[in-house]
Amino acid sequence: MVILPLLASNGAYLLSAYEGFVPWCMPYIDGCTTISQAGRSGNTIFFYRAVVFPYSVLLILFWLYSTSWLDLLHGHSTNISRVIFWLGLAGSIALLLYIDFLGTTGEIKRFMRRIGAMLYFTLTPLAQLLMLNQHYKILRKKPEVSIKPKVLQYQRIILLLMLIIGAISILLVVTDNITDEIENIVEWNFSLLLNLYFLGMVFIWKDYRHVFTISAAKN
């Protein structure tokens, strides 16, 4: 959940820069290109799609598993776990929509790409925020659950940084101070933080041996 998206974006940039389609720089600092431009340039699009497609499917499975995981901790099915799942599912499908139309031409297809990216970068962090909130609630009600507070603090910092970046970006747009480079920097760093959130789940789940089944999710 962490390696694939980082491999996709950074690998795509390095390949595109090597082939001369985008300039060499530190995109997280310089904002010399967008992730989409790096991903769709030349032969890089085949690599980018080959990584993002399976990641999108794994992301769907992640949110399906998360529903079962939260229900396991609560001891029963909850509406909030379903909300988290549907938000995560919608964000994952939006990512599939984005990657499907990447590299295509036409206003409608460009619109579909933008909608896919916007929904992915909006719904996924919202699902992450709700899941973090559930973990805090469960930890307060069931102190015996071995969810490390430091991991939750790490995820909270990640989400806070995402919120700050988003707020600064909106402020710059409203005050008409936004530039292409700033938009690109926001995109690269927001994407990085979104993916790093999932690293916390690795440390949360590593202490558990929860076997997911479809029947368990339905119950």
C-alpha atoms as a PDB file:
ATOM      1  CA  MET A   1       0.000   0.000   0.000  1.00  0.00           C
ATOM      2  CA  VAL A   2       2.979   2.304   0.456  1.00  0.00           C
ATOM      3  CA  ILE A   3       5.619   0.985  -1.934  1.00  0.00           C
ATOM      4  CA  LEU A   4       3.481   0.709  -5.080  1.00  0.00           C
ATOM      5  CA  PRO A   5       2.219   4.324  -5.240  1.00  0.00           C
ATOM      6  CA  LEU A   6       5.653   5.688  -4.371  1.00  0.00           C
ATOM      7  CA  LEU A   7       7.191   3.457  -7.024  1.00  0.00           C
ATOM      8  CA  ALA A   8       4.566   4.596  -9.542  1.00  0.00           C
ATOM      9  CA  SER A   9       4.999   8.352  -9.107  1.00  0.00           C
ATOM     10  CA  ASN A  10       8.738   8.524  -8.468  1.00  0.00           C
ATOM     11  CA  GLY A  11       9.574   5.786 -10.958  1.00  0.00           C
ATOM     12  CA  ALA A  12       7.454   7.497 -13.613  1.00  0.00           C
ATOM     13  CA  TYR A  13       9.215  10.797 -12.999  1.00  0.00           C
ATOM     14  CA  LEU A  14      12.690   9.255 -13.253  1.00  0.00           C
ATOM     15  CA  LEU A  15      11.795   7.419 -16.468  1.00  0.00           C
ATOM     16  CA  SER A  16      10.229  10.514 -18.035  1.00  0.00           C
ATOM     17  CA  ALA A  17      13.190  12.682 -17.046  1.00  0.00           C
ATOM     18  CA  TYR A  18      15.605  10.076 -18.413  1.00  0.00           C
ATOM     19  CA  GLU A  19      13.744  10.060 -21.733  1.00  0.00           C
ATOM     20  CA  GLY A  20      13.777  13.874 -21.798  1.00  0.00           C
ATOM     21  CA  PHE A  21      10.031  14.464 -21.512  1.00  0.00           C
ATOM     22  CA  VAL A  22      10.267  16.360 -18.213  1.00  0.00           C
ATOM     23  CA  PRO A  23      13.160  18.360 -16.717  1.00  0.00           C
ATOM     24  CA  TRP A  24      15.410  17.023 -14.009  1.00  0.00           C
ATOM     25  CA  CYS A  25      14.556  18.519 -10.634  1.00  0.00           C
ATOM     26  CA  MET A  26      13.259  17.723  -7.162  1.00  0.00           C
ATOM     27  CA  PRO A  27       9.508  17.724  -7.932  1.00  0.00           C
ATOM     28  CA  TYR A  28       8.590  17.787  -4.228  1.00  0.00           C
ATOM     29  CA  ILE A  29      10.496  21.069  -3.871  1.00  0.00           C
ATOM     30  CA  ASP A  30      10.751  22.582  -7.354  1.00  0.00           C
ATOM     31  CA  GLY A  31       7.406  21.512  -8.824  1.00  0.00           C
ATOM     32  CA  CYS A  32       8.865  21.297 -12.325  1.00  0.00           C
ATOM     33  CA  THR A  33       6.199  18.835 -13.501  1.00  0.00           C
ATOM     34  CA  THR A  34       2.978  17.132 -12.450  1.00  0.00           C
ATOM     35  CA  ILE A  35       2.629  13.476 -11.557  1.00  0.00           C
ATOM     36  CA  SER A  36       0.252  13.050 -14.489  1.00  0.00           C
ATOM     37  CA  GLN A  37       2.656  14.603 -16.968  1.00  0.00           C
ATOM     38  CA  ALA A  38       5.463  12.367 -15.767  1.00  0.00           C
ATOM     39  CA  GLY A  39       3.189   9.315 -15.829  1.00  0.00           C
ATOM     40  CA  ARG A  40       1.815   9.783 -19.346  1.00  0.00           C
ATOM     41  CA  SER A  41       5.003  10.795 -21.167  1.00  0.00           C
ATOM     42  CA  GLY A  42       6.462   8.441 -23.769  1.00  0.00           C
ATOM     43  CA  ASN A  43       6.804   4.812 -22.792  1.00  0.00           C
ATOM     44  CA  THR A  44       6.459   5.736 -19.117  1.00  0.00           C
ATOM     45  CA  ILE A  45       2.681   5.463 -19.366  1.00  0.00           C
ATOM     46  CA  PHE A  46       2.945   1.672 -19.702  1.00  0.00           C
ATOM     47  CA  PHE A  47       4.983   1.470 -16.500  1.00  0.00           C
ATOM     48  CA  TYR A  48       2.721   3.914 -14.679  1.00  0.00           C
ATOM     49  CA  ARG A  49      -0.469   2.095 -15.614  1.00  0.00           C
ATOM     50  CA  ALA A  50       1.081  -1.294 -14.832  1.00  0.00           C
ATOM     51  CA  VAL A  51       1.741  -0.147 -11.251  1.00  0.00           C
ATOM     52  CA  VAL A  52      -1.295   2.052 -10.539  1.00  0.00           C
ATOM     53  CA  PHE A  53      -3.906  -0.419 -11.824  1.00  0.00           C
ATOM     54  CA  PRO A  54      -2.975  -3.197  -9.369  1.00  0.00           C
ATOM     55  CA  TYR A  55      -2.509  -0.621  -6.611  1.00  0.00           C
ATOM     56  CA  SER A  56      -6.079   0.587  -7.160  1.00  0.00           C
ATOM     57  CA  VAL A  57      -7.360  -2.985  -6.842  1.00  0.00           C
ATOM     58  CA  LEU A  58      -5.290  -3.541  -3.694  1.00  0.00           C
ATOM     59  CA  LEU A  59      -6.703  -0.305  -2.324  1.00  0.00           C
ATOM     60  CA  ILE A  60     -10.237  -1.651  -2.761  1.00  0.00           C
ATOM     61  CA  LEU A  61      -9.229  -4.812  -0.898  1.00  0.00           C
ATOM     62  CA  PHE A  62      -7.615  -2.666   1.802  1.00  0.00           C
ATOM     63  CA  TRP A  63     -10.873  -0.831   2.531  1.00  0.00           C
ATOM     64  CA  LEU A  64     -12.827  -4.081   2.424  1.00  0.00           C
ATOM     65  CA  TYR A  65     -10.440  -5.569   4.955  1.00  0.00           C
ATOM     66  CA  SER A  66     -10.608  -2.400   7.053  1.00  0.00           C
ATOM     67  CA  THR A  67     -14.380  -2.813   7.373  1.00  0.00           C
ATOM     68  CA  SER A  68     -13.925  -6.328   8.723  1.00  0.00           C
ATOM     69  CA  TRP A  69     -11.097  -5.101  10.973  1.00  0.00           C
ATOM     70  CA  LEU A  70     -13.142  -2.329  12.574  1.00  0.00           C
ATOM     71  CA  ASP A  71     -16.134  -4.627  13.063  1.00  0.00           C
ATOM     72  CA  LEU A  72     -13.813  -7.129  14.733  1.00  0.00           C
ATOM     73  CA  LEU A  73     -12.579  -4.497  17.200  1.00  0.00           C
ATOM     74  CA  HIS A  74     -16.090  -3.223  17.906  1.00  0.00           C
ATOM     75  CA  GLY A  75     -17.398  -6.763  18.288  1.00  0.00           C
ATOM     76  CA  HIS A  76     -20.257  -6.080  15.868  1.00  0.00           C
ATOM     77  CA  SER A  77     -21.022  -4.445  12.530  1.00  0.00           C
ATOM     78  CA  THR A  78     -21.109  -0.659  12.601  1.00  0.00           C
ATOM     79  CA  ASN A  79     -22.469   1.950  10.244  1.00  0.00           C
ATOM     80  CA  ILE A  80     -19.301   4.032  10.431  1.00  0.00           C
ATOM     81  CA  SER A  81     -17.179   1.147   9.162  1.00  0.00           C
ATOM     82  CA  ARG A  82     -19.524   0.909   6.173  1.00  0.00           C
ATOM     83  CA  VAL A  83     -19.211   4.641   5.562  1.00  0.00           C
ATOM     84  CA  ILE A  84     -15.413   4.323   5.646  1.00  0.00           C
ATOM     85  CA  PHE A  85     -15.568   1.433   3.208  1.00  0.00           C
ATOM     86  CA  TRP A  86     -17.786   3.248   0.706  1.00  0.00           C
ATOM     87  CA  LEU A  87     -15.648   6.380   0.865  1.00  0.00           C
ATOM     88  CA  GLY A  88     -12.510   4.332   0.338  1.00  0.00           C
ATOM     89  CA  LEU A  89     -14.144   2.302  -2.425  1.00  0.00           C
ATOM     90  CA  ALA A  90     -15.304   5.429  -4.251  1.00  0.00           C
ATOM     91  CA  GLY A  91     -11.819   6.919  -3.970  1.00  0.00           C
ATOM     92  CA  SER A  92     -10.243   3.722  -5.314  1.00  0.00           C
ATOM     93  CA  ILE A  93     -12.646   3.580  -8.260  1.00  0.00           C
ATOM     94  CA  ALA A  94     -11.902   7.255  -8.940  1.00  0.00           C
ATOM     95  CA  LEU A  95      -8.202   6.367  -9.130  1.00  0.00           C
ATOM     96  CA  LEU A  96      -9.035   3.639 -11.646  1.00  0.00           C
ATOM     97  CA  LEU A  97     -11.021   6.182 -13.638  1.00  0.00           C
ATOM     98  CA  TYR A  98      -8.083   8.580 -13.602  1.00  0.00           C
ATOM     99  CA  ILE A  99      -5.532   6.030 -14.756  1.00  0.00           C
ATOM    100  CA  ASP A 100      -7.888   4.660 -17.417  1.00  0.00           C
ATOM    101  CA  PHE A 101      -8.201   8.065 -19.087  1.00  0.00           C
ATOM    102  CA  LEU A 102      -4.578   9.101 -18.542  1.00  0.00           C
ATOM    103  CA  GLY A 103      -2.795   9.734 -21.818  1.00  0.00           C
ATOM    104  CA  THR A 104      -6.010  10.180 -23.804  1.00  0.00           C
ATOM    105  CA  THR A 105      -7.048  13.356 -25.619  1.00  0.00           C
ATOM    106  CA  GLY A 106     -10.275  15.352 -25.713  1.00  0.00           C
ATOM    107  CA  GLU A 107     -12.063  17.664 -23.309  1.00  0.00           C
ATOM    108  CA  ILE A 108     -14.417  14.984 -21.967  1.00  0.00           C
ATOM    109  CA  LYS A 109     -11.556  12.584 -21.264  1.00  0.00           C
ATOM    110  CA  ARG A 110      -9.558  15.370 -19.642  1.00  0.00           C
ATOM    111  CA  PHE A 111     -12.580  16.141 -17.478  1.00  0.00           C
ATOM    112  CA  MET A 112     -12.844  12.481 -16.467  1.00  0.00           C
ATOM    113  CA  ARG A 113      -9.176  12.474 -15.462  1.00  0.00           C
ATOM    114  CA  ARG A 114      -9.632  15.557 -13.332  1.00  0.00           C
ATOM    115  CA  ILE A 115     -12.769  14.201 -11.676  1.00  0.00           C
ATOM    116  CA  GLY A 116     -11.006  10.912 -10.942  1.00  0.00           C
ATOM    117  CA  ALA A 117      -7.994  12.652  -9.393  1.00  0.00           C
ATOM    118  CA  MET A 118     -10.140  15.096  -7.404  1.00  0.00           C
ATOM    119  CA  LEU A 119     -12.343  12.360  -5.941  1.00  0.00           C
ATOM    120  CA  TYR A 120      -9.356  10.157  -5.107  1.00  0.00           C
ATOM    121  CA  PHE A 121      -7.532  12.964  -3.295  1.00  0.00           C
ATOM    122  CA  THR A 122     -10.697  14.011  -1.464  1.00  0.00           C
ATOM    123  CA  LEU A 123     -12.480  10.783  -0.494  1.00  0.00           C
ATOM    124  CA  THR A 124      -9.396   8.760   0.453  1.00  0.00           C
ATOM    125  CA  PRO A 125      -8.114  11.240   3.092  1.00  0.00           C
ATOM    126  CA  LEU A 126     -11.667  11.517   4.451  1.00  0.00           C
ATOM    127  CA  ALA A 127     -11.826   7.736   4.853  1.00  0.00           C
ATOM    128  CA  GLN A 128      -8.391   7.827   6.507  1.00  0.00           C
ATOM    129  CA  LEU A 129      -9.540  10.524   8.929  1.00  0.00           C
ATOM    130  CA  LEU A 130     -12.663   8.575   9.931  1.00  0.00           C
ATOM    131  CA  MET A 131     -10.624   5.415  10.406  1.00  0.00           C
ATOM    132  CA  LEU A 132      -8.146   7.218  12.645  1.00  0.00           C
ATOM    133  CA  ASN A 133     -11.035   8.596  14.677  1.00  0.00           C
ATOM    134  CA  GLN A 134     -12.439   5.074  15.085  1.00  0.00           C
ATOM    135  CA  HIS A 135      -9.085   3.781  16.304  1.00  0.00           C
ATOM    136  CA  TYR A 136      -8.953   6.499  18.967  1.00  0.00           C
ATOM    137  CA  LYS A 137     -12.505   5.697  20.100  1.00  0.00           C
ATOM    138  CA  ILE A 138     -11.796   1.972  20.256  1.00  0.00           C
ATOM    139  CA  LEU A 139      -8.580   2.576  22.204  1.00  0.00           C
ATOM    140  CA  ARG A 140     -10.485   4.639  24.782  1.00  0.00           C
ATOM    141  CA  LYS A 141     -13.229   2.027  25.176  1.00  0.00           C
ATOM    142  CA  LYS A 142     -10.937  -0.997  25.040  1.00  0.00           C
ATOM    143  CA  PRO A 143      -7.480  -0.150  26.438  1.00  0.00           C
ATOM    144  CA  GLU A 144      -6.510  -3.814  26.079  1.00  0.00           C
ATOM    145  CA  VAL A 145      -6.477  -3.458  22.294  1.00  0.00           C
ATOM    146  CA  SER A 146      -2.826  -3.211  21.299  1.00  0.00           C
ATOM    147  CA  ILE A 147      -3.062  -0.243  18.984  1.00  0.00           C
ATOM    148  CA  LYS A 148       0.046   1.805  19.645  1.00  0.00           C
ATOM    149  CA  PRO A 149      -0.812   5.466  20.451  1.00  0.00           C
ATOM    150  CA  LYS A 150       2.420   6.582  18.799  1.00  0.00           C
ATOM    151  CA  VAL A 151       1.270   5.095  15.504  1.00  0.00           C
ATOM    152  CA  LEU A 152      -2.028   6.959  15.785  1.00  0.00           C
ATOM    153  CA  GLN A 153      -0.114  10.136  16.582  1.00  0.00           C
ATOM    154  CA  TYR A 154       1.987   9.578  13.451  1.00  0.00           C
ATOM    155  CA  GLN A 155      -1.166   9.230  11.341  1.00  0.00           C
ATOM    156  CA  ARG A 156      -2.688  12.305  12.965  1.00  0.00           C
ATOM    157  CA  ILE A 157       0.406  14.343  12.062  1.00  0.00           C
ATOM    158  CA  ILE A 158       0.197  13.063   8.488  1.00  0.00           C
ATOM    159  CA  LEU A 159      -3.444  14.121   8.191  1.00  0.00           C
ATOM    160  CA  LEU A 160      -2.725  17.471   9.835  1.00  0.00           C
ATOM    161  CA  LEU A 161       0.032  18.174   7.304  1.00  0.00           C
ATOM    162  CA  MET A 162      -2.344  17.243   4.485  1.00  0.00           C
ATOM    163  CA  LEU A 163      -4.915  19.657   5.899  1.00  0.00           C
ATOM    164  CA  ILE A 164      -2.341  22.444   6.159  1.00  0.00           C
ATOM    165  CA  ILE A 165      -1.160  21.893   2.591  1.00  0.00           C
ATOM    166  CA  GLY A 166      -4.742  21.873   1.341  1.00  0.00           C
ATOM    167  CA  ALA A 167      -5.625  25.036   3.261  1.00  0.00           C
ATOM    168  CA  ILE A 168      -2.550  26.900   1.997  1.00  0.00           C
ATOM    169  CA  SER A 169      -3.337  25.812  -1.558  1.00  0.00           C
ATOM    170  CA  ILE A 170      -6.931  27.080  -1.311  1.00  0.00           C
ATOM    171  CA  LEU A 171      -5.730  30.354   0.221  1.00  0.00           C
ATOM    172  CA  LEU A 172      -3.288  30.884  -2.649  1.00  0.00           C
ATOM    173  CA  VAL A 173      -6.016  30.169  -5.197  1.00  0.00           C
ATOM    174  CA  VAL A 174      -8.441  32.582  -3.520  1.00  0.00           C
ATOM    175  CA  THR A 175      -5.805  35.335  -3.350  1.00  0.00           C
ATOM    176  CA  ASP A 176      -4.743  34.619  -6.948  1.00  0.00           C
ATOM    177  CA  ASN A 177      -1.173  33.861  -5.877  1.00  0.00           C
ATOM    178  CA  ILE A 178      -1.103  30.274  -7.124  1.00  0.00           C
ATOM    179  CA  THR A 179       1.407  29.251  -9.794  1.00  0.00           C
ATOM    180  CA  ASP A 180       1.878  26.049 -11.779  1.00  0.00           C
ATOM    181  CA  GLU A 181       4.982  25.232  -9.754  1.00  0.00           C
ATOM    182  CA  ILE A 182       3.136  25.653  -6.438  1.00  0.00           C
ATOM    183  CA  GLU A 183       0.252  23.484  -7.678  1.00  0.00           C
ATOM    184  CA  ASN A 184       2.753  20.800  -8.650  1.00  0.00           C
ATOM    185  CA  ILE A 185       4.517  20.970  -5.277  1.00  0.00           C
ATOM    186  CA  VAL A 186       1.167  20.636  -3.511  1.00  0.00           C
ATOM    187  CA  GLU A 187       0.250  17.636  -5.681  1.00  0.00           C
ATOM    188  CA  TRP A 188       3.523  15.764  -5.105  1.00  0.00           C
ATOM    189  CA  ASN A 189       3.628  16.342  -1.350  1.00  0.00           C
ATOM    190  CA  PHE A 190      -0.085  15.716  -0.774  1.00  0.00           C
ATOM    191  CA  SER A 191       0.205  12.436  -2.671  1.00  0.00           C
ATOM    192  CA  LEU A 192       3.270  11.469  -0.633  1.00  0.00           C
ATOM    193  CA  LEU A 193       1.518  12.133   2.677  1.00  0.00           C
ATOM    194  CA  LEU A 194      -1.614  10.274   1.593  1.00  0.00           C
ATOM    195  CA  ASN A 195       0.481   7.196   0.890  1.00  0.00           C
ATOM    196  CA  LEU A 196       2.581   7.494   4.058  1.00  0.00           C
ATOM    197  CA  TYR A 197      -0.616   7.310   6.131  1.00  0.00           C
ATOM    198  CA  PHE A 198      -0.936   3.651   5.150  1.00  0.00           C
ATOM    199  CA  LEU A 199       2.480   2.941   6.648  1.00  0.00           C
ATOM    200  CA  GLY A 200       0.863   3.357  10.059  1.00  0.00           C
ATOM    201  CA  MET A 201      -1.578   0.557   9.243  1.00  0.00           C
ATOM    202  CA  VAL A 202       1.368  -1.779   8.703  1.00  0.00           C
ATOM    203  CA  PHE A 203       2.456  -1.240  12.306  1.00  0.00           C
ATOM    204  CA  ILE A 204      -1.115  -1.525  13.596  1.00  0.00           C
ATOM    205  CA  TRP A 205      -1.926  -4.740  11.780  1.00  0.00           C
ATOM    206  CA  LYS A 206       1.423  -6.484  12.257  1.00  0.00           C
ATOM    207  CA  ASP A 207       0.447  -7.485  15.802  1.00  0.00           C
ATOM    208  CA  TYR A 208      -2.776  -9.149  14.645  1.00  0.00           C
ATOM    209  CA  ARG A 209      -3.589 -12.315  12.766  1.00  0.00           C
ATOM    210  CA  HIS A 210      -7.059 -11.380  11.540  1.00  0.00           C
ATOM    211  CA  VAL A 211      -8.184 -13.597   8.675  1.00  0.00           C
ATOM    212  CA  PHE A 212     -10.635 -11.807   6.422  1.00  0.00           C
ATOM    213  CA  THR A 213     -13.565 -13.654   4.877  1.00  0.00           C
ATOM    214  CA  ILE A 214     -16.474 -12.348   2.871  1.00  0.00           C
ATOM    215  CA  SER A 215     -18.927 -13.993   5.273  1.00  0.00           C
ATOM    216  CA  ALA A 216     -17.233 -12.313   8.221  1.00  0.00           C
ATOM    217  CA  ALA A 217     -17.572  -8.945   6.517  1.00  0.00           C
ATOM    218  CA  LYS A 218     -21.271  -9.508   5.925  1.00  0.00           C
ATOM    219  CA  ASN A 219     -21.870 -10.534   9.535  1.00  0.00           C
END
